[in-house]
Protein backbone atom coordinates (compact mmCIF):
# COMPACT_ATOMS: atom_id res chain seq x y z
CA MET A 1 110.48 93.88 82.41
CA ASP A 2 111.66 93.39 78.66
CA GLY A 3 111.62 90.34 76.61
CA LYS A 4 109.61 87.57 75.78
CA LEU A 5 106.37 87.02 78.08
CA HIS A 6 104.35 84.37 75.55
CA CYS A 7 104.96 82.35 72.79
CA GLU A 8 102.95 83.49 69.37
CA HIS A 9 99.60 81.08 70.11
CA ARG A 10 99.50 82.63 73.74
CA THR A 11 99.17 86.13 75.30
CA ALA A 12 100.18 88.16 78.27
CA GLN A 13 96.70 87.54 79.87
CA ASP A 14 97.61 83.75 79.89
CA PHE A 15 100.01 83.97 82.84
CA SER A 16 98.71 83.49 85.97
CA ILE A 17 97.94 86.64 88.26
CA LYS A 18 99.81 85.81 91.22
CA PHE A 19 103.09 84.64 89.10
CA LEU A 20 102.71 87.85 86.97
CA GLU A 21 102.37 90.01 90.41
CA ILE A 22 105.81 88.02 91.78
CA LEU A 23 107.60 88.96 88.71
CA VAL A 24 106.60 92.62 88.94
CA LYS A 25 107.60 92.57 92.50
CA LEU A 26 110.82 90.84 91.58
CA ASP A 27 111.29 93.48 88.98
CA GLN A 28 110.93 96.15 90.74
CA LEU A 29 113.91 94.78 93.61
CA PHE A 30 116.11 93.54 90.79
CA TYR A 31 115.53 97.59 89.00
CA GLU A 32 116.83 98.95 92.72
CA LYS A 33 119.48 96.77 93.30
CA PHE A 34 121.35 96.73 89.65
CA LYS A 35 119.39 99.79 87.52
CA LYS A 36 118.31 97.44 85.18
CA ARG A 37 114.73 95.83 84.17
CA ILE A 38 114.26 91.80 84.49
CA THR A 39 114.89 90.49 80.54
CA LEU A 40 112.42 87.44 80.30
CA THR A 41 114.05 85.04 77.63
CA SER A 42 110.32 83.26 77.96
CA GLY A 43 107.15 83.24 79.60
CA VAL A 44 103.99 81.76 78.81
CA ARG A 45 104.13 78.92 76.05
CA CYS A 46 101.64 76.94 74.15
CA GLN A 47 102.53 72.73 74.44
CA GLU A 48 103.89 73.33 70.41
CA CYS A 49 106.23 76.40 71.30
CA ASN A 50 106.99 74.24 74.59
CA VAL A 51 108.11 70.76 73.02
CA LYS A 52 110.23 73.31 70.65
CA ALA A 53 111.70 75.08 73.37
CA GLY A 54 112.90 71.65 74.97
CA GLY A 55 110.42 72.53 77.67
CA LYS A 56 109.05 69.28 80.23
CA GLN A 57 105.88 67.91 79.59
CA ALA A 58 104.39 69.43 82.91
CA SER A 59 106.07 72.94 82.43
CA ASP A 60 104.96 75.64 84.36
CA HIS A 61 105.03 77.63 81.17
CA LEU A 62 101.95 76.04 80.21
CA THR A 63 100.02 76.79 83.05
CA GLY A 64 101.03 80.49 83.10
CA GLU A 65 103.18 80.03 85.99
CA GLY A 66 106.68 79.95 84.45
CA ALA A 67 109.27 82.02 82.75
CA ASP A 68 112.96 82.26 81.93
CA ILE A 69 115.03 85.40 83.08
CA ALA A 70 118.44 86.25 81.98
CA TYR A 71 121.30 87.59 84.16
CA GLU A 72 124.74 89.17 83.07
CA ASP A 73 126.64 87.55 86.32
CA SER A 74 126.64 85.46 89.37
CA ARG A 75 125.34 88.80 91.47
CA GLN A 76 122.61 88.75 89.58
CA ARG A 77 121.77 84.98 89.49
CA TYR A 78 121.96 85.17 92.93
CA PHE A 79 119.66 88.08 93.52
CA ILE A 80 117.19 86.26 91.31
CA ILE A 81 117.29 82.60 92.95
CA PHE A 82 117.09 84.07 96.13
């Protein structure tokens, strides 16, 4: 898994353990299918960074249960969503 796991005011330890396990599993499945790692464009955020990113007031990023994932094409997007 590559990318930005957290904002400058939070750490990767602020992720929900259950959500992090889901991301790791998704990364493994994504690699098996596409031979590439998923790339997070945003993970855990503090309130200030969430506002700057245009996040919702009750964003899952604030609780460590949200992440934005980059994809290259519709096949990858479909795989990530479903």
